[in-house]
Amino acid sequence: MTRLYLRLPVSKKEFMEKFGTTPEKVFPKQLQKLKEKGLIEIDDKEVRITKLGEVWKGNIAWEFCTNQAK
C-alpha cells in the first residue's frame, strides 16, 4: 500500500499473488475512509490515488501503518 505514497497504483492481482487476499479484506476501514474523502479510487483492478490525494499522500500512507490499522 506504500506504493500510493509514490503515486503508483496498487494492483489487486499483484496484492493477491503476494498476500493471498485483497486490499479490501486487509484494510477495509482505511480504504473506505480514504475513498469517502475522495483521496483514492478503487476499481476491479487497482487502488490508486486521486489528484486530491496527491496533496495528502503522506497522510494516506500513514493510514496503512501497523500501529494505525484497527
N, C-alpha and C. Protein backbone atom coordinates (compact mmCIF):
# COMPACT_ATOMS: atom_id res chain seq x y z
N MET A 1 0.82 -1.19 0.00
CA MET A 1 0.00 0.00 0.00
C MET A 1 0.87 1.26 0.00
N THR A 2 2.12 1.11 0.34
CA THR A 2 3.02 2.27 0.33
C THR A 2 3.28 2.77 -1.08
N ARG A 3 2.93 1.99 -2.09
CA ARG A 3 3.04 2.45 -3.47
C ARG A 3 2.22 3.71 -3.69
N LEU A 4 1.13 3.85 -2.95
CA LEU A 4 0.29 5.04 -3.08
C LEU A 4 1.07 6.30 -2.75
N TYR A 5 2.00 6.21 -1.81
CA TYR A 5 2.82 7.36 -1.45
C TYR A 5 3.63 7.84 -2.65
N LEU A 6 4.03 6.91 -3.48
CA LEU A 6 4.80 7.24 -4.68
C LEU A 6 3.89 7.52 -5.87
N ARG A 7 2.60 7.61 -5.61
CA ARG A 7 1.57 7.86 -6.63
C ARG A 7 1.48 6.73 -7.64
N LEU A 8 1.82 5.53 -7.21
CA LEU A 8 1.72 4.35 -8.06
C LEU A 8 0.49 3.56 -7.64
N PRO A 9 -0.25 3.03 -8.59
CA PRO A 9 -1.43 2.23 -8.22
C PRO A 9 -1.03 0.91 -7.56
N VAL A 10 -1.91 0.39 -6.75
CA VAL A 10 -1.73 -0.92 -6.14
C VAL A 10 -2.58 -1.90 -6.93
N SER A 11 -1.93 -2.81 -7.63
CA SER A 11 -2.63 -3.82 -8.42
C SER A 11 -3.25 -4.86 -7.49
N LYS A 12 -4.54 -5.08 -7.64
CA LYS A 12 -5.20 -6.09 -6.81
C LYS A 12 -4.69 -7.49 -7.15
N LYS A 13 -4.35 -7.72 -8.41
CA LYS A 13 -3.83 -9.02 -8.82
C LYS A 13 -2.48 -9.29 -8.15
N GLU A 14 -1.59 -8.30 -8.18
CA GLU A 14 -0.28 -8.47 -7.55
C GLU A 14 -0.41 -8.60 -6.03
N PHE A 15 -1.32 -7.84 -5.43
CA PHE A 15 -1.55 -7.92 -3.99
C PHE A 15 -2.01 -9.34 -3.63
N MET A 16 -2.94 -9.86 -4.42
CA MET A 16 -3.46 -11.22 -4.18
C MET A 16 -2.35 -12.26 -4.32
N GLU A 17 -1.52 -12.11 -5.34
CA GLU A 17 -0.41 -13.06 -5.55
C GLU A 17 0.58 -13.02 -4.39
N LYS A 18 0.83 -11.83 -3.88
CA LYS A 18 1.83 -11.69 -2.81
C LYS A 18 1.28 -12.05 -1.43
N PHE A 19 0.02 -11.66 -1.15
CA PHE A 19 -0.51 -11.82 0.21
C PHE A 19 -1.67 -12.82 0.32
N GLY A 20 -2.18 -13.30 -0.81
CA GLY A 20 -3.26 -14.29 -0.77
C GLY A 20 -4.61 -13.73 -0.39
N THR A 21 -4.78 -12.44 -0.49
CA THR A 21 -6.05 -11.79 -0.15
C THR A 21 -6.12 -10.45 -0.88
N THR A 22 -7.20 -9.74 -0.70
CA THR A 22 -7.36 -8.45 -1.37
C THR A 22 -7.07 -7.29 -0.41
N PRO A 23 -6.74 -6.12 -0.95
CA PRO A 23 -6.55 -4.96 -0.08
C PRO A 23 -7.79 -4.63 0.74
N GLU A 24 -8.97 -4.84 0.14
CA GLU A 24 -10.22 -4.54 0.85
C GLU A 24 -10.43 -5.41 2.08
N LYS A 25 -9.93 -6.63 2.04
CA LYS A 25 -10.07 -7.52 3.20
C LYS A 25 -9.05 -7.18 4.29
N VAL A 26 -7.90 -6.68 3.90
CA VAL A 26 -6.85 -6.36 4.87
C VAL A 26 -7.07 -4.97 5.49
N PHE A 27 -7.50 -4.03 4.67
CA PHE A 27 -7.64 -2.63 5.11
C PHE A 27 -9.03 -2.06 4.83
N PRO A 28 -10.10 -2.72 5.24
CA PRO A 28 -11.44 -2.25 4.87
C PRO A 28 -11.76 -0.84 5.38
N LYS A 29 -11.48 -0.57 6.62
CA LYS A 29 -11.82 0.74 7.20
C LYS A 29 -10.98 1.85 6.57
N GLN A 30 -9.69 1.59 6.41
CA GLN A 30 -8.80 2.61 5.86
C GLN A 30 -9.20 2.96 4.43
N LEU A 31 -9.44 1.95 3.62
CA LEU A 31 -9.80 2.18 2.22
C LEU A 31 -11.14 2.91 2.11
N GLN A 32 -12.10 2.51 2.91
CA GLN A 32 -13.42 3.16 2.87
C GLN A 32 -13.30 4.63 3.26
N LYS A 33 -12.56 4.90 4.33
CA LYS A 33 -12.37 6.27 4.80
C LYS A 33 -11.71 7.14 3.73
N LEU A 34 -10.65 6.63 3.11
CA LEU A 34 -9.92 7.40 2.09
C LEU A 34 -10.77 7.59 0.84
N LYS A 35 -11.55 6.58 0.49
CA LYS A 35 -12.42 6.68 -0.68
C LYS A 35 -13.51 7.72 -0.44
N GLU A 36 -14.11 7.70 0.74
CA GLU A 36 -15.16 8.67 1.08
C GLU A 36 -14.64 10.10 1.04
N LYS A 37 -13.38 10.28 1.38
CA LYS A 37 -12.77 11.62 1.36
C LYS A 37 -12.30 12.03 -0.04
N GLY A 38 -12.42 11.11 -1.00
CA GLY A 38 -12.01 11.41 -2.36
C GLY A 38 -10.51 11.38 -2.59
N LEU A 39 -9.79 10.69 -1.70
CA LEU A 39 -8.34 10.64 -1.80
C LEU A 39 -7.82 9.46 -2.61
N ILE A 40 -8.65 8.41 -2.73
CA ILE A 40 -8.28 7.25 -3.54
C ILE A 40 -9.48 6.82 -4.36
N GLU A 41 -9.21 6.06 -5.41
CA GLU A 41 -10.23 5.42 -6.23
C GLU A 41 -9.94 3.93 -6.21
N ILE A 42 -11.01 3.15 -6.22
CA ILE A 42 -10.87 1.69 -6.20
C ILE A 42 -11.76 1.14 -7.31
N ASP A 43 -11.19 0.26 -8.14
CA ASP A 43 -12.00 -0.44 -9.12
C ASP A 43 -11.64 -1.92 -9.07
N ASP A 44 -12.05 -2.68 -10.07
CA ASP A 44 -11.82 -4.12 -10.05
C ASP A 44 -10.35 -4.50 -10.16
N LYS A 45 -9.53 -3.61 -10.71
CA LYS A 45 -8.13 -3.94 -10.97
C LYS A 45 -7.14 -3.33 -10.00
N GLU A 46 -7.45 -2.13 -9.46
CA GLU A 46 -6.43 -1.46 -8.66
C GLU A 46 -7.00 -0.43 -7.69
N VAL A 47 -6.12 -0.02 -6.79
CA VAL A 47 -6.36 1.09 -5.87
C VAL A 47 -5.38 2.17 -6.30
N ARG A 48 -5.88 3.37 -6.53
CA ARG A 48 -4.99 4.45 -6.98
C ARG A 48 -5.35 5.75 -6.28
N ILE A 49 -4.37 6.59 -6.17
CA ILE A 49 -4.52 7.89 -5.53
C ILE A 49 -5.20 8.86 -6.53
N THR A 50 -6.02 9.75 -6.03
CA THR A 50 -6.68 10.75 -6.88
C THR A 50 -5.81 12.00 -6.94
N LYS A 51 -6.22 12.93 -7.77
CA LYS A 51 -5.49 14.20 -7.86
C LYS A 51 -5.51 14.89 -6.50
N LEU A 52 -6.66 14.89 -5.82
CA LEU A 52 -6.75 15.46 -4.47
C LEU A 52 -5.84 14.69 -3.51
N GLY A 53 -5.79 13.38 -3.65
CA GLY A 53 -4.97 12.55 -2.79
C GLY A 53 -3.48 12.81 -2.91
N GLU A 54 -3.05 13.31 -4.07
CA GLU A 54 -1.62 13.61 -4.26
C GLU A 54 -1.11 14.59 -3.22
N VAL A 55 -1.94 15.53 -2.84
CA VAL A 55 -1.56 16.53 -1.84
C VAL A 55 -1.40 15.87 -0.47
N TRP A 56 -2.16 14.84 -0.21
CA TRP A 56 -2.20 14.20 1.11
C TRP A 56 -1.54 12.82 1.11
N LYS A 57 -0.62 12.55 0.18
CA LYS A 57 -0.05 11.22 0.05
C LYS A 57 0.64 10.73 1.32
N GLY A 58 1.26 11.61 2.07
CA GLY A 58 1.89 11.20 3.34
C GLY A 58 0.86 10.73 4.35
N ASN A 59 -0.24 11.44 4.43
CA ASN A 59 -1.32 11.06 5.34
C ASN A 59 -1.96 9.75 4.90
N ILE A 60 -2.08 9.58 3.59
CA ILE A 60 -2.66 8.34 3.06
C ILE A 60 -1.78 7.16 3.44
N ALA A 61 -0.49 7.27 3.23
CA ALA A 61 0.44 6.19 3.57
C ALA A 61 0.36 5.86 5.07
N TRP A 62 0.23 6.88 5.90
CA TRP A 62 0.15 6.70 7.35
C TRP A 62 -1.04 5.83 7.75
N GLU A 63 -2.13 5.90 6.99
CA GLU A 63 -3.32 5.11 7.30
C GLU A 63 -3.03 3.60 7.29
N PHE A 64 -2.00 3.19 6.58
CA PHE A 64 -1.70 1.78 6.45
C PHE A 64 -0.57 1.29 7.36
N CYS A 65 -0.09 2.16 8.23
CA CYS A 65 0.95 1.77 9.20
C CYS A 65 0.35 0.80 10.19
N THR A 66 1.13 -0.15 10.62
CA THR A 66 0.67 -1.21 11.52
C THR A 66 0.01 -0.65 12.77
N ASN A 67 0.59 0.36 13.37
CA ASN A 67 0.03 0.93 14.60
C ASN A 67 -1.30 1.62 14.36
N GLN A 68 -1.54 2.05 13.14
CA GLN A 68 -2.77 2.75 12.81
C GLN A 68 -3.89 1.78 12.41
N ALA A 69 -3.56 0.59 11.94
CA ALA A 69 -4.56 -0.36 11.48
C ALA A 69 -5.40 -0.82 12.65
N LYS A 70 -6.69 -0.64 12.52
CA LYS A 70 -7.61 -1.01 13.62
C LYS A 70 -8.73 -1.88 13.11
